[in-house]
C-alpha atoms as a PDB file:
ATOM      1  CA  MET A   1      21.846   4.103 -17.091  1.00  0.00           C
ATOM      2  CA  SER A   2      23.620   7.375 -17.792  1.00  0.00           C
ATOM      3  CA  ASP A   3      27.092   8.217 -16.545  1.00  0.00           C
ATOM      4  CA  LYS A   4      25.709  10.902 -14.225  1.00  0.00           C
ATOM      5  CA  THR A   5      23.285   8.462 -12.615  1.00  0.00           C
ATOM      6  CA  ARG A   6      25.976   5.810 -12.202  1.00  0.00           C
ATOM      7  CA  TRP A   7      28.313   8.378 -10.631  1.00  0.00           C
ATOM      8  CA  LEU A   8      25.609   9.519  -8.192  1.00  0.00           C
ATOM      9  CA  LEU A   9      24.780   5.941  -7.157  1.00  0.00           C
ATOM     10  CA  LEU A  10      28.461   5.171  -6.611  1.00  0.00           C
ATOM     11  CA  LEU A  11      28.853   8.285  -4.481  1.00  0.00           C
ATOM     12  CA  CYS A  12      25.791   7.370  -2.394  1.00  0.00           C
ATOM     13  CA  ALA A  13      27.035   3.798  -1.892  1.00  0.00           C
ATOM     14  CA  ALA A  14      30.459   5.078  -0.799  1.00  0.00           C
ATOM     15  CA  GLN A  15      28.825   7.427   1.712  1.00  0.00           C
ATOM     16  CA  ILE A  16      26.719   4.591   3.144  1.00  0.00           C
ATOM     17  CA  PHE A  17      29.781   2.359   3.617  1.00  0.00           C
ATOM     18  CA  ILE A  18      31.742   5.190   5.252  1.00  0.00           C
ATOM     19  CA  MET A  19      28.890   5.770   7.709  1.00  0.00           C
ATOM     20  CA  LEU A  20      28.693   2.035   8.469  1.00  0.00           C
ATOM     21  CA  VAL A  21      32.349   2.032   9.457  1.00  0.00           C
ATOM     22  CA  LEU A  22      31.855   4.970  11.822  1.00  0.00           C
ATOM     23  CA  ILE A  23      28.716   3.474  13.365  1.00  0.00           C
ATOM     24  CA  ASN A  24      30.366   0.082  13.883  1.00  0.00           C
ATOM     25  CA  TYR A  25      33.469   1.640  15.411  1.00  0.00           C
ATOM     26  CA  SER A  26      31.436   3.432  18.062  1.00  0.00           C
ATOM     27  CA  ALA A  27      29.536   0.223  18.824  1.00  0.00           C
ATOM     28  CA  VAL A  28      32.730  -1.847  19.179  1.00  0.00           C
ATOM     29  CA  LEU A  29      34.608   0.827  21.153  1.00  0.00           C
ATOM     30  CA  PRO A  30      33.747  -0.590  24.621  1.00  0.00           C
ATOM     31  CA  LEU A  31      35.018  -4.018  23.567  1.00  0.00           C
ATOM     32  CA  LEU A  32      38.229  -2.541  22.178  1.00  0.00           C
ATOM     33  CA  LYS A  33      38.731  -0.541  25.358  1.00  0.00           C
ATOM     34  CA  SER A  34      38.572  -3.591  27.597  1.00  0.00           C
ATOM     35  CA  GLU A  35      40.498  -5.893  25.256  1.00  0.00           C
ATOM     36  CA  TRP A  36      43.315  -3.465  24.502  1.00  0.00           C
ATOM     37  CA  GLY A  37      43.372  -1.951  28.001  1.00  0.00           C
ATOM     38  CA  ILE A  38      43.171   1.657  26.851  1.00  0.00           C
ATOM     39  CA  ALA A  39      41.097   4.653  27.934  1.00  0.00           C
ATOM     40  CA  PHE A  40      38.132   5.956  25.965  1.00  0.00           C
ATOM     41  CA  ALA A  41      39.973   9.214  25.278  1.00  0.00           C
ATOM     42  CA  ILE A  42      42.777   7.337  23.547  1.00  0.00           C
ATOM     43  CA  ALA A  43      40.465   5.004  21.617  1.00  0.00           C
ATOM     44  CA  GLY A  44      37.945   7.692  20.669  1.00  0.00           C
ATOM     45  CA  LEU A  45      37.342   9.006  17.191  1.00  0.00           C
ATOM     46  CA  GLY A  46      38.752  12.429  18.029  1.00  0.00           C
ATOM     47  CA  THR A  47      42.213  10.987  18.461  1.00  0.00           C
ATOM     48  CA  LEU A  48      42.017   9.333  15.060  1.00  0.00           C
ATOM     49  CA  THR A  49      40.246  11.938  12.987  1.00  0.00           C
ATOM     50  CA  GLY A  50      41.302  15.201  14.638  1.00  0.00           C
ATOM     51  CA  PRO A  51      44.802  15.412  13.167  1.00  0.00           C
ATOM     52  CA  LEU A  52      43.576  14.264   9.747  1.00  0.00           C
ATOM     53  CA  PHE A  53      40.829  16.867   9.693  1.00  0.00           C
ATOM     54  CA  MET A  54      43.211  19.646  10.734  1.00  0.00           C
ATOM     55  CA  ALA A  55      45.702  18.644   8.031  1.00  0.00           C
ATOM     56  CA  TRP A  56      42.901  18.683   5.476  1.00  0.00           C
ATOM     57  CA  LEU A  57      41.818  22.166   6.571  1.00  0.00           C
ATOM     58  CA  ARG A  58      45.377  23.425   6.235  1.00  0.00           C
ATOM     59  CA  ARG A  59      45.709  22.061   2.711  1.00  0.00           C
ATOM     60  CA  CYS A  60      42.342  23.437   1.551  1.00  0.00           C
ATOM     61  CA  PRO A  61      41.983  27.136   2.400  1.00  0.00           C
ATOM     62  CA  GLU A  62      38.446  27.183   0.973  1.00  0.00           C
ATOM     63  CA  SER A  63      37.398  24.500   3.449  1.00  0.00           C
ATOM     64  CA  ALA A  64      38.978  26.381   6.332  1.00  0.00           C
ATOM     65  CA  ARG A  65      37.015  29.497   5.447  1.00  0.00           C
ATOM     66  CA  MET A  66      33.782  27.512   5.218  1.00  0.00           C
ATOM     67  CA  ALA A  67      34.462  25.740   8.543  1.00  0.00           C
ATOM     68  CA  GLY A  68      35.029  29.129  10.142  1.00  0.00           C
ATOM     69  CA  GLY A  69      31.668  30.408   8.912  1.00  0.00           C
ATOM     70  CA  ARG A  70      33.106  32.641   6.188  1.00  0.00           C
ATOM     71  CA  LYS A  71      32.480  32.289   2.479  1.00  0.00           C
END
């Protein structure tokens, strides 16, 4: 197996595992809400990922332009 093929398979596997985490979090969210006694707005993904995404956009001006629809 070539290095390029191995790299592509590793990237695909990483993407699959990242998506599994997000899917499982949304499925477990109602249980976490009742067990921890918190609101959906506090436990939601936006609260966790929003600040990280905004920090990433600030550090990468190319990404900010692309997210704004400009190239």
